[in-house]
Amino acid sequence: HYHDHATDPVVDPSLIKHKAKGGVIVPFPVKLHDMLDKIEEDGLASVVSWQPHGRCFVVHNPKEFVNHVMPHYFKQTKMASFQRQLNLYGFNRLTGGLDKGGYYHEMFLRGKVSLAYDIHRMRVKGTGVRLPTNPDNEPNFYALP
């Protein structure tokens, strides 16, 4: 069930004490957040961008994303690797509606990078079985205030 953190208090990211796991200084969700903010400044919003409500993002042009955006921000160079990172951090993919193909996490919101520090990598369960998607259970971000 989606919990809307949009009204949570904003915390200055410099005040967050975070232990680097596995030697990673900037956690993937924070790096992703920074990328989405910089992309708009760089005029590459046609490749990847936040959706208007700021509760999910969409890769509009996967080929351009892999070739021109990923190398600047991530060690991965394959879309499948990027998607695996999203899955490991608990992001969900939207399968219908205006945000179809977008990824969301209830702690991943535009303008609230401090929340992204609370997104933790999940232990890899790896049963190899994917749960079927159920569009009826997906949040409708356009219905939120």
Protein backbone atom coordinates (compact mmCIF):
# COMPACT_ATOMS: atom_id res chain seq x y z
CA HIS A 1 0.00 0.00 0.00
CA TYR A 2 1.47 3.37 -1.06
CA HIS A 3 2.19 5.86 1.70
CA ASP A 4 2.50 9.45 0.49
CA HIS A 5 5.59 11.08 2.02
CA ALA A 6 5.16 14.32 0.05
CA THR A 7 4.27 16.29 3.19
CA ASP A 8 7.09 14.90 5.35
CA PRO A 9 9.43 17.57 6.77
CA VAL A 10 12.45 18.33 4.59
CA VAL A 11 15.78 17.42 6.16
CA ASP A 12 19.05 19.00 5.09
CA PRO A 13 20.93 16.10 3.46
CA SER A 14 24.23 17.30 4.97
CA LEU A 15 22.83 16.52 8.44
CA ILE A 16 22.15 12.88 7.60
CA LYS A 17 24.71 10.55 9.06
CA HIS A 18 24.90 7.61 6.73
CA LYS A 19 27.21 4.68 6.92
CA ALA A 20 28.65 3.80 3.54
CA LYS A 21 27.85 0.21 2.76
CA GLY A 22 30.23 -1.67 0.53
CA GLY A 23 32.42 1.39 0.14
CA VAL A 24 29.74 3.28 -1.77
CA ILE A 25 29.82 6.91 -0.73
CA VAL A 26 26.65 8.07 -2.48
CA PRO A 27 23.88 5.45 -2.36
CA PHE A 28 22.24 4.57 -5.70
CA PRO A 29 18.86 6.20 -4.88
CA VAL A 30 20.58 9.48 -3.97
CA LYS A 31 22.69 9.35 -7.14
CA LEU A 32 19.51 8.70 -9.13
CA HIS A 33 17.79 11.66 -7.46
CA ASP A 34 20.73 13.95 -8.27
CA MET A 35 20.72 12.71 -11.87
CA LEU A 36 17.02 13.49 -12.33
CA ASP A 37 17.53 17.03 -10.99
CA LYS A 38 20.58 17.67 -13.21
CA ILE A 39 18.95 16.15 -16.31
CA GLU A 40 16.32 18.89 -16.35
CA GLU A 41 19.04 21.55 -16.08
CA ASP A 42 20.96 19.86 -18.91
CA GLY A 43 17.93 19.87 -21.20
CA LEU A 44 17.78 16.08 -21.38
CA ALA A 45 14.28 15.71 -19.93
CA SER A 46 13.19 14.11 -23.22
CA VAL A 47 15.46 11.15 -22.34
CA VAL A 48 14.57 10.66 -18.66
CA SER A 49 12.57 12.83 -16.26
CA TRP A 50 10.40 13.14 -13.22
CA GLN A 51 6.71 12.97 -14.00
CA PRO A 52 4.80 16.24 -13.35
CA HIS A 53 3.67 15.17 -9.84
CA GLY A 54 7.26 14.32 -8.82
CA ARG A 55 6.41 10.89 -7.41
CA CYS A 56 7.93 8.76 -10.16
CA PHE A 57 10.30 9.02 -13.10
CA VAL A 58 10.21 7.66 -16.63
CA VAL A 59 13.01 6.70 -19.01
CA HIS A 60 11.50 8.05 -22.25
CA ASN A 61 14.35 7.02 -24.53
CA PRO A 62 16.19 3.93 -23.23
CA LYS A 63 18.81 3.96 -26.01
CA GLU A 64 19.81 7.59 -25.39
CA PHE A 65 19.66 6.96 -21.64
CA VAL A 66 22.10 4.05 -21.85
CA ASN A 67 24.47 5.79 -24.29
CA HIS A 68 24.51 9.37 -23.01
CA VAL A 69 23.12 9.58 -19.49
CA MET A 70 24.11 6.42 -17.60
CA PRO A 71 27.87 6.69 -18.23
CA HIS A 72 27.91 10.13 -16.52
CA TYR A 73 26.12 9.01 -13.37
CA PHE A 74 26.46 5.26 -12.89
CA LYS A 75 28.99 2.48 -13.18
CA GLN A 76 26.44 0.37 -15.04
CA THR A 77 26.33 0.55 -18.81
CA LYS A 78 23.36 -1.73 -19.47
CA MET A 79 19.67 -0.97 -19.01
CA ALA A 80 19.17 -4.38 -17.38
CA SER A 81 21.79 -3.50 -14.73
CA PHE A 82 20.08 -0.18 -14.04
CA GLN A 83 16.71 -1.95 -13.70
CA ARG A 84 18.26 -4.50 -11.36
CA GLN A 85 19.51 -1.68 -9.11
CA LEU A 86 15.99 -0.21 -9.06
CA ASN A 87 14.57 -3.60 -8.12
CA LEU A 88 17.18 -4.18 -5.41
CA TYR A 89 16.24 -0.87 -3.83
CA GLY A 90 12.53 -1.68 -3.89
CA PHE A 91 11.39 0.54 -6.75
CA ASN A 92 8.22 -0.60 -8.51
CA ARG A 93 7.38 -0.23 -12.17
CA LEU A 94 4.04 1.20 -13.23
CA THR A 95 2.28 -0.87 -15.87
CA GLY A 96 -0.55 1.42 -16.86
CA GLY A 97 -1.97 4.92 -16.90
CA LEU A 98 -0.19 8.21 -17.60
CA ASP A 99 2.96 7.00 -15.82
CA LYS A 100 3.19 3.67 -17.66
CA GLY A 101 6.76 2.36 -17.60
CA GLY A 102 7.71 4.74 -14.79
CA TYR A 103 9.44 3.71 -11.59
CA TYR A 104 8.39 4.79 -8.13
CA HIS A 105 9.31 4.28 -4.48
CA GLU A 106 7.34 5.96 -1.73
CA MET A 107 10.57 7.47 -0.34
CA PHE A 108 11.66 8.77 -3.76
CA LEU A 109 10.11 12.18 -4.37
CA ARG A 110 11.24 15.20 -6.36
CA GLY A 111 12.60 17.93 -4.08
CA LYS A 112 13.06 15.54 -1.15
CA VAL A 113 16.48 13.98 -1.60
CA SER A 114 16.76 13.46 2.18
CA LEU A 115 14.09 10.73 1.93
CA ALA A 116 16.21 8.87 -0.64
CA TYR A 117 18.82 8.19 2.06
CA ASP A 118 16.23 5.99 3.78
CA ILE A 119 15.88 3.71 0.76
CA HIS A 120 17.91 0.64 1.59
CA ARG A 121 19.07 -2.14 -0.62
CA MET A 122 17.04 -5.26 -0.06
CA ARG A 123 18.58 -8.61 0.63
CA VAL A 124 18.59 -10.56 -2.59
CA LYS A 125 15.93 -13.22 -2.32
CA GLY A 126 16.44 -14.45 -5.86
CA THR A 127 13.81 -17.13 -6.24
CA GLY A 128 13.78 -16.25 -9.91
CA VAL A 129 9.99 -16.00 -9.78
CA ARG A 130 8.49 -12.65 -10.69
CA LEU A 131 5.20 -11.77 -9.12
CA PRO A 132 2.54 -10.85 -11.67
CA THR A 133 1.82 -7.14 -11.84
CA ASN A 134 -1.60 -5.92 -10.83
CA PRO A 135 -2.39 -2.48 -12.24
CA ASP A 136 -5.36 -2.20 -9.84
CA ASN A 137 -2.93 -2.14 -6.90
CA GLU A 138 -0.74 0.60 -8.36
CA PRO A 139 -1.03 4.13 -6.94
CA ASN A 140 -2.67 6.84 -9.01
CA PHE A 141 -0.36 9.79 -8.37
CA TYR A 142 -2.73 12.17 -10.14
CA ALA A 143 -5.37 11.53 -7.48
CA LEU A 144 -3.03 12.57 -4.63
CA PRO A 145 -3.02 16.16 -3.33
